[in-house]
Each structure stands twice: as C-alpha cells, then as structure tokens.
Amino acid sequence: MIKRQGQRMHARRRALERYGLNCGPRTRNALLEAIQNSDAVFLESYSNRQKVFAVNYGEQYYPVVYDNRRHEIVTFLPREYLTRHQNKLSLKL
C-alpha cells in the first residue's frame, strides 16, 4: 500500500468514528475541492506540508489535516478542535 492509500483509509476511519460520516470518493472529492478552491477555513499549520482546515460539508464544519504534497486529507480531528478556533470560523460565517 502506498502512503496516499494509507492516508485515505485512515481519514475514512476517523470520519466514521468521530462524525458518523461515510467519507467515500464523492465526499472526499467534495472536501478536497473545497480546500483546493480556498472555500475551507485555514486554521493552522502542522508542518510545511500539513495544514489544518475547517471544511464545510452538509451544513457542518469538519476539522481536517490536509497534506499539501499528496493533495490528500490525512485525518479528521475531534470536534473540540473547532472550539479552539471559533474566532476564525465566525469570520467565515
């Protein structure tokens, strides 16, 4: 398994575990498109290649880690992560 596939599987498991969200290809592509089109809210950088975004999907924001190099969602963070960045989300709304 290549790294990108591993990231997809991990993100899919975390989306289901933390949000009950089935992150299949259609959902994943919609989330990626929002990030790549600057429709997501940038929250912070983890590293030079990993950034945290709040992505609006289905009337809800999801905090995700995005890998700039592989153009892939790495994981879905717990909901509590959004409360720490509420000020950035309120600017977007």
PDB file of N, CA and C in Angstrom:
ATOM      1  N   MET A   1       0.850  -1.180   0.000  1.00  0.00           N
ATOM      2  CA  MET A   1       0.000   0.000   0.000  1.00  0.00           C
ATOM      3  C   MET A   1       0.895   1.244   0.000  1.00  0.00           C
ATOM      4  N   ILE A   2       0.550   2.198  -0.831  1.00  0.00           N
ATOM      5  CA  ILE A   2       1.322   3.435  -0.877  1.00  0.00           C
ATOM      6  C   ILE A   2       0.792   4.407   0.185  1.00  0.00           C
ATOM      7  N   LYS A   3       1.576   5.420   0.474  1.00  0.00           N
ATOM      8  CA  LYS A   3       1.255   6.390   1.526  1.00  0.00           C
ATOM      9  C   LYS A   3      -0.118   7.033   1.306  1.00  0.00           C
ATOM     10  N   ARG A   4      -0.417   7.431   0.094  1.00  0.00           N
ATOM     11  CA  ARG A   4      -1.683   8.094  -0.212  1.00  0.00           C
ATOM     12  C   ARG A   4      -2.872   7.193   0.140  1.00  0.00           C
ATOM     13  N   GLN A   5      -2.769   5.920  -0.195  1.00  0.00           N
ATOM     14  CA  GLN A   5      -3.849   4.979   0.130  1.00  0.00           C
ATOM     15  C   GLN A   5      -4.008   4.833   1.639  1.00  0.00           C
ATOM     16  N   GLY A   6      -2.896   4.799   2.335  1.00  0.00           N
ATOM     17  CA  GLY A   6      -2.930   4.706   3.796  1.00  0.00           C
ATOM     18  C   GLY A   6      -3.591   5.929   4.410  1.00  0.00           C
ATOM     19  N   GLN A   7      -3.288   7.105   3.870  1.00  0.00           N
ATOM     20  CA  GLN A   7      -3.913   8.330   4.364  1.00  0.00           C
ATOM     21  C   GLN A   7      -5.415   8.307   4.126  1.00  0.00           C
ATOM     22  N   ARG A   8      -5.827   7.844   2.967  1.00  0.00           N
ATOM     23  CA  ARG A   8      -7.255   7.773   2.658  1.00  0.00           C
ATOM     24  C   ARG A   8      -7.987   6.840   3.609  1.00  0.00           C
ATOM     25  N   MET A   9      -7.390   5.672   3.850  1.00  0.00           N
ATOM     26  CA  MET A   9      -8.026   4.707   4.749  1.00  0.00           C
ATOM     27  C   MET A   9      -8.119   5.258   6.168  1.00  0.00           C
ATOM     28  N   HIS A  10      -7.050   5.887   6.624  1.00  0.00           N
ATOM     29  CA  HIS A  10      -7.054   6.461   7.975  1.00  0.00           C
ATOM     30  C   HIS A  10      -8.116   7.552   8.087  1.00  0.00           C
ATOM     31  N   ALA A  11      -8.150   8.454   7.127  1.00  0.00           N
ATOM     32  CA  ALA A  11      -9.122   9.548   7.164  1.00  0.00           C
ATOM     33  C   ALA A  11     -10.553   9.004   7.126  1.00  0.00           C
ATOM     34  N   ARG A  12     -10.777   8.003   6.320  1.00  0.00           N
ATOM     35  CA  ARG A  12     -12.122   7.406   6.222  1.00  0.00           C
ATOM     36  C   ARG A  12     -12.551   6.800   7.552  1.00  0.00           C
ATOM     37  N   ARG A  13     -11.621   6.110   8.219  1.00  0.00           N
ATOM     38  CA  ARG A  13     -11.929   5.521   9.535  1.00  0.00           C
ATOM     39  C   ARG A  13     -12.224   6.598  10.565  1.00  0.00           C
ATOM     40  N   ARG A  14     -11.424   7.662  10.568  1.00  0.00           N
ATOM     41  CA  ARG A  14     -11.625   8.734  11.558  1.00  0.00           C
ATOM     42  C   ARG A  14     -12.919   9.501  11.310  1.00  0.00           C
ATOM     43  N   ALA A  15     -13.280   9.712  10.057  1.00  0.00           N
ATOM     44  CA  ALA A  15     -14.536  10.402   9.738  1.00  0.00           C
ATOM     45  C   ALA A  15     -15.725   9.599  10.254  1.00  0.00           C
ATOM     46  N   LEU A  16     -15.679   8.305  10.074  1.00  0.00           N
ATOM     47  CA  LEU A  16     -16.768   7.441  10.530  1.00  0.00           C
ATOM     48  C   LEU A  16     -16.790   7.361  12.051  1.00  0.00           C
ATOM     49  N   GLU A  17     -15.623   7.213  12.645  1.00  0.00           N
ATOM     50  CA  GLU A  17     -15.512   7.086  14.100  1.00  0.00           C
ATOM     51  C   GLU A  17     -15.940   8.366  14.821  1.00  0.00           C
ATOM     52  N   ARG A  18     -15.475   9.505  14.345  1.00  0.00           N
ATOM     53  CA  ARG A  18     -15.700  10.763  15.071  1.00  0.00           C
ATOM     54  C   ARG A  18     -16.977  11.486  14.683  1.00  0.00           C
ATOM     55  N   TYR A  19     -17.457  11.283  13.463  1.00  0.00           N
ATOM     56  CA  TYR A  19     -18.607  12.061  12.981  1.00  0.00           C
ATOM     57  C   TYR A  19     -19.726  11.220  12.379  1.00  0.00           C
ATOM     58  N   GLY A  20     -19.511   9.928  12.254  1.00  0.00           N
ATOM     59  CA  GLY A  20     -20.510   9.094  11.592  1.00  0.00           C
ATOM     60  C   GLY A  20     -20.615   9.409  10.110  1.00  0.00           C
ATOM     61  N   LEU A  21     -19.563  10.005   9.560  1.00  0.00           N
ATOM     62  CA  LEU A  21     -19.538  10.424   8.156  1.00  0.00           C
ATOM     63  C   LEU A  21     -18.874   9.353   7.302  1.00  0.00           C
ATOM     64  N   ASN A  22     -19.601   8.855   6.310  1.00  0.00           N
ATOM     65  CA  ASN A  22     -19.024   7.903   5.366  1.00  0.00           C
ATOM     66  C   ASN A  22     -18.262   8.710   4.314  1.00  0.00           C
ATOM     67  N   CYS A  23     -16.960   8.717   4.440  1.00  0.00           N
ATOM     68  CA  CYS A  23     -16.120   9.542   3.569  1.00  0.00           C
ATOM     69  C   CYS A  23     -15.660   8.728   2.356  1.00  0.00           C
ATOM     70  N   GLY A  24     -16.611   8.416   1.490  1.00  0.00           N
ATOM     71  CA  GLY A  24     -16.303   7.709   0.254  1.00  0.00           C
ATOM     72  C   GLY A  24     -15.743   8.677  -0.778  1.00  0.00           C
ATOM     73  N   PRO A  25     -15.533   8.213  -1.988  1.00  0.00           N
ATOM     74  CA  PRO A  25     -14.915   9.042  -3.021  1.00  0.00           C
ATOM     75  C   PRO A  25     -15.649  10.357  -3.292  1.00  0.00           C
ATOM     76  N   ARG A  26     -16.964  10.346  -3.333  1.00  0.00           N
ATOM     77  CA  ARG A  26     -17.717  11.571  -3.626  1.00  0.00           C
ATOM     78  C   ARG A  26     -17.544  12.611  -2.515  1.00  0.00           C
ATOM     79  N   THR A  27     -17.651  12.161  -1.270  1.00  0.00           N
ATOM     80  CA  THR A  27     -17.479  13.061  -0.128  1.00  0.00           C
ATOM     81  C   THR A  27     -16.047  13.578  -0.065  1.00  0.00           C
ATOM     82  N   ARG A  28     -15.091  12.665  -0.203  1.00  0.00           N
ATOM     83  CA  ARG A  28     -13.677  13.051  -0.149  1.00  0.00           C
ATOM     84  C   ARG A  28     -13.351  14.083  -1.220  1.00  0.00           C
ATOM     85  N   ASN A  29     -13.846  13.860  -2.437  1.00  0.00           N
ATOM     86  CA  ASN A  29     -13.582  14.810  -3.522  1.00  0.00           C
ATOM     87  C   ASN A  29     -14.209  16.170  -3.251  1.00  0.00           C
ATOM     88  N   ALA A  30     -15.394  16.197  -2.666  1.00  0.00           N
ATOM     89  CA  ALA A  30     -16.035  17.478  -2.335  1.00  0.00           C
ATOM     90  C   ALA A  30     -15.227  18.225  -1.279  1.00  0.00           C
ATOM     91  N   LEU A  31     -14.727  17.506  -0.278  1.00  0.00           N
ATOM     92  CA  LEU A  31     -13.906  18.139   0.759  1.00  0.00           C
ATOM     93  C   LEU A  31     -12.592  18.651   0.183  1.00  0.00           C
ATOM     94  N   LEU A  32     -11.950  17.836  -0.648  1.00  0.00           N
ATOM     95  CA  LEU A  32     -10.692  18.249  -1.273  1.00  0.00           C
ATOM     96  C   LEU A  32     -10.889  19.464  -2.175  1.00  0.00           C
ATOM     97  N   GLU A  33     -11.970  19.470  -2.916  1.00  0.00           N
ATOM     98  CA  GLU A  33     -12.263  20.602  -3.805  1.00  0.00           C
ATOM     99  C   GLU A  33     -12.447  21.885  -3.002  1.00  0.00           C
ATOM    100  N   ALA A  34     -13.114  21.790  -1.867  1.00  0.00           N
ATOM    101  CA  ALA A  34     -13.308  22.972  -1.013  1.00  0.00           C
ATOM    102  C   ALA A  34     -11.965  23.507  -0.522  1.00  0.00           C
ATOM    103  N   ILE A  35     -11.070  22.614  -0.133  1.00  0.00           N
ATOM    104  CA  ILE A  35      -9.749  23.037   0.337  1.00  0.00           C
ATOM    105  C   ILE A  35      -8.960  23.664  -0.813  1.00  0.00           C
ATOM    106  N   GLN A  36      -8.933  23.001  -1.946  1.00  0.00           N
ATOM    107  CA  GLN A  36      -8.123  23.456  -3.077  1.00  0.00           C
ATOM    108  C   GLN A  36      -8.668  24.729  -3.720  1.00  0.00           C
ATOM    109  N   ASN A  37      -9.967  24.997  -3.557  1.00  0.00           N
ATOM    110  CA  ASN A  37     -10.575  26.224  -4.100  1.00  0.00           C
ATOM    111  C   ASN A  37     -10.661  27.337  -3.073  1.00  0.00           C
ATOM    112  N   SER A  38     -10.004  27.162  -1.940  1.00  0.00           N
ATOM    113  CA  SER A  38      -9.992  28.148  -0.850  1.00  0.00           C
ATOM    114  C   SER A  38     -11.373  28.414  -0.271  1.00  0.00           C
ATOM    115  N   ASP A  39     -12.265  27.425  -0.322  1.00  0.00           N
ATOM    116  CA  ASP A  39     -13.570  27.551   0.308  1.00  0.00           C
ATOM    117  C   ASP A  39     -13.547  27.067   1.750  1.00  0.00           C
ATOM    118  N   ALA A  40     -12.471  26.430   2.164  1.00  0.00           N
ATOM    119  CA  ALA A  40     -12.314  25.963   3.535  1.00  0.00           C
ATOM    120  C   ALA A  40     -11.620  27.048   4.352  1.00  0.00           C
ATOM    121  N   VAL A  41     -11.782  26.979   5.674  1.00  0.00           N
ATOM    122  CA  VAL A  41     -11.166  27.958   6.578  1.00  0.00           C
ATOM    123  C   VAL A  41      -9.826  27.400   7.059  1.00  0.00           C
ATOM    124  N   PHE A  42      -8.746  28.130   6.767  1.00  0.00           N
ATOM    125  CA  PHE A  42      -7.428  27.727   7.245  1.00  0.00           C
ATOM    126  C   PHE A  42      -7.360  27.987   8.743  1.00  0.00           C
ATOM    127  N   LEU A  43      -6.941  26.979   9.509  1.00  0.00           N
ATOM    128  CA  LEU A  43      -6.846  27.136  10.956  1.00  0.00           C
ATOM    129  C   LEU A  43      -5.406  27.267  11.434  1.00  0.00           C
ATOM    130  N   GLU A  44      -4.523  26.376  10.973  1.00  0.00           N
ATOM    131  CA  GLU A  44      -3.114  26.453  11.364  1.00  0.00           C
ATOM    132  C   GLU A  44      -2.278  25.468  10.565  1.00  0.00           C
ATOM    133  N   SER A  45      -0.962  25.610  10.688  1.00  0.00           N
ATOM    134  CA  SER A  45      -0.030  24.689  10.038  1.00  0.00           C
ATOM    135  C   SER A  45       0.466  23.678  11.051  1.00  0.00           C
ATOM    136  N   TYR A  46       0.523  22.418  10.652  1.00  0.00           N
ATOM    137  CA  TYR A  46       1.172  21.376  11.448  1.00  0.00           C
ATOM    138  C   TYR A  46       2.647  21.337  11.098  1.00  0.00           C
ATOM    139  N   SER A  47       2.925  21.468   9.814  1.00  0.00           N
ATOM    140  CA  SER A  47       4.291  21.436   9.310  1.00  0.00           C
ATOM    141  C   SER A  47       4.292  22.158   7.977  1.00  0.00           C
ATOM    142  N   ASN A  48       5.404  22.089   7.253  1.00  0.00           N
ATOM    143  CA  ASN A  48       5.464  22.735   5.944  1.00  0.00           C
ATOM    144  C   ASN A  48       4.490  22.117   4.947  1.00  0.00           C
ATOM    145  N   ARG A  49       4.185  20.840   5.124  1.00  0.00           N
ATOM    146  CA  ARG A  49       3.299  20.200   4.155  1.00  0.00           C
ATOM    147  C   ARG A  49       1.926  19.824   4.695  1.00  0.00           C
ATOM    148  N   GLN A  50       1.710  19.926   5.998  1.00  0.00           N
ATOM    149  CA  GLN A  50       0.411  19.577   6.570  1.00  0.00           C
ATOM    150  C   GLN A  50      -0.245  20.798   7.214  1.00  0.00           C
ATOM    151  N   LYS A  51      -1.450  21.080   6.749  1.00  0.00           N
ATOM    152  CA  LYS A  51      -2.219  22.233   7.229  1.00  0.00           C
ATOM    153  C   LYS A  51      -3.561  21.751   7.763  1.00  0.00           C
ATOM    154  N   VAL A  52      -4.097  22.509   8.713  1.00  0.00           N
ATOM    155  CA  VAL A  52      -5.399  22.171   9.288  1.00  0.00           C
ATOM    156  C   VAL A  52      -6.433  23.141   8.739  1.00  0.00           C
ATOM    157  N   PHE A  53      -7.531  22.576   8.239  1.00  0.00           N
ATOM    158  CA  PHE A  53      -8.633  23.358   7.697  1.00  0.00           C
ATOM    159  C   PHE A  53      -9.940  22.935   8.347  1.00  0.00           C
ATOM    160  N   ALA A  54     -10.884  23.863   8.404  1.00  0.00           N
ATOM    161  CA  ALA A  54     -12.269  23.549   8.751  1.00  0.00           C
ATOM    162  C   ALA A  54     -13.029  23.582   7.434  1.00  0.00           C
ATOM    163  N   VAL A  55     -13.587  22.442   7.065  1.00  0.00           N
ATOM    164  CA  VAL A  55     -14.267  22.320   5.776  1.00  0.00           C
ATOM    165  C   VAL A  55     -15.767  22.182   6.004  1.00  0.00           C
ATOM    166  N   ASN A  56     -16.535  23.037   5.338  1.00  0.00           N
ATOM    167  CA  ASN A  56     -17.988  22.984   5.444  1.00  0.00           C
ATOM    168  C   ASN A  56     -18.516  21.953   4.450  1.00  0.00           C
ATOM    169  N   TYR A  57     -19.246  20.983   4.994  1.00  0.00           N
ATOM    170  CA  TYR A  57     -19.844  19.943   4.150  1.00  0.00           C
ATOM    171  C   TYR A  57     -21.153  19.515   4.795  1.00  0.00           C
ATOM    172  N   GLY A  58     -22.237  19.629   4.060  1.00  0.00           N
ATOM    173  CA  GLY A  58     -23.536  19.215   4.587  1.00  0.00           C
ATOM    174  C   GLY A  58     -23.973  19.990   5.813  1.00  0.00           C
ATOM    175  N   GLU A  59     -23.812  21.299   5.786  1.00  0.00           N
ATOM    176  CA  GLU A  59     -24.234  22.171   6.897  1.00  0.00           C
ATOM    177  C   GLU A  59     -23.426  21.979   8.177  1.00  0.00           C
ATOM    178  N   GLN A  60     -22.226  21.425   8.068  1.00  0.00           N
ATOM    179  CA  GLN A  60     -21.400  21.189   9.241  1.00  0.00           C
ATOM    180  C   GLN A  60     -19.934  21.409   8.879  1.00  0.00           C
ATOM    181  N   TYR A  61     -19.164  21.922   9.833  1.00  0.00           N
ATOM    182  CA  TYR A  61     -17.727  22.067   9.638  1.00  0.00           C
ATOM    183  C   TYR A  61     -17.004  20.851  10.195  1.00  0.00           C
ATOM    184  N   TYR A  62     -16.010  20.395   9.446  1.00  0.00           N
ATOM    185  CA  TYR A  62     -15.171  19.280   9.866  1.00  0.00           C
ATOM    186  C   TYR A  62     -13.721  19.744   9.906  1.00  0.00           C
ATOM    187  N   PRO A  63     -13.035  19.550  11.034  1.00  0.00           N
ATOM    188  CA  PRO A  63     -11.607  19.894  11.084  1.00  0.00           C
ATOM    189  C   PRO A  63     -10.785  18.756  10.495  1.00  0.00           C
ATOM    190  N   VAL A  64     -10.013  19.067   9.464  1.00  0.00           N
ATOM    191  CA  VAL A  64      -9.216  18.042   8.787  1.00  0.00           C
ATOM    192  C   VAL A  64      -7.770  18.501   8.650  1.00  0.00           C
ATOM    193  N   VAL A  65      -6.875  17.526   8.609  1.00  0.00           N
ATOM    194  CA  VAL A  65      -5.469  17.792   8.297  1.00  0.00           C
ATOM    195  C   VAL A  65      -5.287  17.444   6.829  1.00  0.00           C
ATOM    196  N   TYR A  66      -4.714  18.388   6.079  1.00  0.00           N
ATOM    197  CA  TYR A  66      -4.521  18.250   4.636  1.00  0.00           C
ATOM    198  C   TYR A  66      -3.030  18.194   4.322  1.00  0.00           C
ATOM    199  N   ASP A  67      -2.636  17.224   3.509  1.00  0.00           N
ATOM    200  CA  ASP A  67      -1.250  17.057   3.079  1.00  0.00           C
ATOM    201  C   ASP A  67      -1.064  17.771   1.741  1.00  0.00           C
ATOM    202  N   ASN A  68      -0.313  18.869   1.749  1.00  0.00           N
ATOM    203  CA  ASN A  68      -0.093  19.665   0.532  1.00  0.00           C
ATOM    204  C   ASN A  68       0.679  18.896  -0.539  1.00  0.00           C
ATOM    205  N   ARG A  69       1.570  18.038  -0.144  1.00  0.00           N
ATOM    206  CA  ARG A  69       2.394  17.314  -1.111  1.00  0.00           C
ATOM    207  C   ARG A  69       1.580  16.258  -1.858  1.00  0.00           C
ATOM    208  N   ARG A  70       0.775  15.530  -1.114  1.00  0.00           N
ATOM    209  CA  ARG A  70      -0.003  14.448  -1.730  1.00  0.00           C
ATOM    210  C   ARG A  70      -1.415  14.870  -2.113  1.00  0.00           C
ATOM    211  N   HIS A  71      -1.790  16.102  -1.751  1.00  0.00           N
ATOM    212  CA  HIS A  71      -3.131  16.620  -2.051  1.00  0.00           C
ATOM    213  C   HIS A  71      -4.197  15.669  -1.521  1.00  0.00           C
ATOM    214  N   GLU A  72      -4.061  15.343  -0.229  1.00  0.00           N
ATOM    215  CA  GLU A  72      -4.916  14.340   0.380  1.00  0.00           C
ATOM    216  C   GLU A  72      -5.283  14.750   1.803  1.00  0.00           C
ATOM    217  N   ILE A  73      -6.463  14.340   2.238  1.00  0.00           N
ATOM    218  CA  ILE A  73      -6.854  14.537   3.637  1.00  0.00           C
ATOM    219  C   ILE A  73      -6.199  13.434   4.445  1.00  0.00           C
ATOM    220  N   VAL A  74      -5.474  13.827   5.481  1.00  0.00           N
ATOM    221  CA  VAL A  74      -4.734  12.880   6.313  1.00  0.00           C
ATOM    222  C   VAL A  74      -5.627  12.308   7.401  1.00  0.00           C
ATOM    223  N   THR A  75      -6.382  13.176   8.078  1.00  0.00           N
ATOM    224  CA  THR A  75      -7.230  12.730   9.169  1.00  0.00           C
ATOM    225  C   THR A  75      -8.318  13.744   9.457  1.00  0.00           C
ATOM    226  N   PHE A  76      -9.325  13.317  10.188  1.00  0.00           N
ATOM    227  CA  PHE A  76     -10.373  14.188  10.720  1.00  0.00           C
ATOM    228  C   PHE A  76     -10.083  14.348  12.197  1.00  0.00           C
ATOM    229  N   LEU A  77      -9.954  15.578  12.642  1.00  0.00           N
ATOM    230  CA  LEU A  77      -9.659  15.854  14.046  1.00  0.00           C
ATOM    231  C   LEU A  77     -10.950  15.852  14.863  1.00  0.00           C
ATOM    232  N   PRO A  78     -10.835  15.708  16.189  1.00  0.00           N
ATOM    233  CA  PRO A  78     -12.035  15.743  17.034  1.00  0.00           C
ATOM    234  C   PRO A  78     -12.734  17.109  16.961  1.00  0.00           C
ATOM    235  N   ARG A  79     -14.029  17.111  17.213  1.00  0.00           N
ATOM    236  CA  ARG A  79     -14.850  18.320  17.148  1.00  0.00           C
ATOM    237  C   ARG A  79     -14.323  19.422  18.077  1.00  0.00           C
ATOM    238  N   GLU A  80     -13.747  19.035  19.212  1.00  0.00           N
ATOM    239  CA  GLU A  80     -13.225  20.026  20.172  1.00  0.00           C
ATOM    240  C   GLU A  80     -12.192  20.945  19.529  1.00  0.00           C
ATOM    241  N   TYR A  81     -11.570  20.473  18.486  1.00  0.00           N
ATOM    242  CA  TYR A  81     -10.565  21.273  17.786  1.00  0.00           C
ATOM    243  C   TYR A  81     -11.176  22.559  17.232  1.00  0.00           C
ATOM    244  N   LEU A  82     -12.421  22.489  16.798  1.00  0.00           N
ATOM    245  CA  LEU A  82     -13.088  23.671  16.241  1.00  0.00           C
ATOM    246  C   LEU A  82     -13.349  24.725  17.307  1.00  0.00           C
ATOM    247  N   THR A  83     -13.614  24.308  18.527  1.00  0.00           N
ATOM    248  CA  THR A  83     -13.912  25.286  19.582  1.00  0.00           C
ATOM    249  C   THR A  83     -12.687  26.142  19.899  1.00  0.00           C
ATOM    250  N   ARG A  84     -11.502  25.579  19.741  1.00  0.00           N
ATOM    251  CA  ARG A  84     -10.278  26.359  19.971  1.00  0.00           C
ATOM    252  C   ARG A  84     -10.052  27.406  18.884  1.00  0.00           C
ATOM    253  N   HIS A  85     -10.698  27.249  17.740  1.00  0.00           N
ATOM    254  CA  HIS A  85     -10.519  28.166  16.607  1.00  0.00           C
ATOM    255  C   HIS A  85     -11.841  28.821  16.207  1.00  0.00           C
ATOM    256  N   GLN A  86     -12.727  28.963  17.162  1.00  0.00           N
ATOM    257  CA  GLN A  86     -14.058  29.506  16.891  1.00  0.00           C
ATOM    258  C   GLN A  86     -13.993  30.905  16.281  1.00  0.00           C
ATOM    259  N   ASN A  87     -13.008  31.700  16.688  1.00  0.00           N
ATOM    260  CA  ASN A  87     -12.897  33.063  16.155  1.00  0.00           C
ATOM    261  C   ASN A  87     -12.643  33.065  14.642  1.00  0.00           C
ATOM    262  N   LYS A  88     -11.865  32.135  14.150  1.00  0.00           N
ATOM    263  CA  LYS A  88     -11.610  32.064  12.703  1.00  0.00           C
ATOM    264  C   LYS A  88     -12.844  31.601  11.937  1.00  0.00           C
ATOM    265  N   LEU A  89     -13.606  30.698  12.538  1.00  0.00           N
ATOM    266  CA  LEU A  89     -14.821  30.218  11.887  1.00  0.00           C
ATOM    267  C   LEU A  89     -15.884  31.302  11.841  1.00  0.00           C
ATOM    268  N   SER A  90     -15.982  32.108  12.890  1.00  0.00           N
ATOM    269  CA  SER A  90     -17.010  33.154  12.910  1.00  0.00           C
ATOM    270  C   SER A  90     -16.748  34.220  11.860  1.00  0.00           C
ATOM    271  N   LEU A  91     -15.490  34.424  11.486  1.00  0.00           N
ATOM    272  CA  LEU A  91     -15.167  35.377  10.425  1.00  0.00           C
ATOM    273  C   LEU A  91     -15.670  34.881   9.075  1.00  0.00           C
ATOM    274  N   LYS A  92     -15.674  33.567   8.884  1.00  0.00           N
ATOM    275  CA  LYS A  92     -16.107  32.974   7.607  1.00  0.00           C
ATOM    276  C   LYS A  92     -17.624  33.003   7.467  1.00  0.00           C
ATOM    277  N   LEU A  93     -18.334  32.877   8.589  1.00  0.00           N
ATOM    278  CA  LEU A  93     -19.790  32.823   8.564  1.00  0.00           C
ATOM    279  C   LEU A  93     -20.359  34.167   8.328  1.00  0.00           C
TER     280      LEU A  93
END
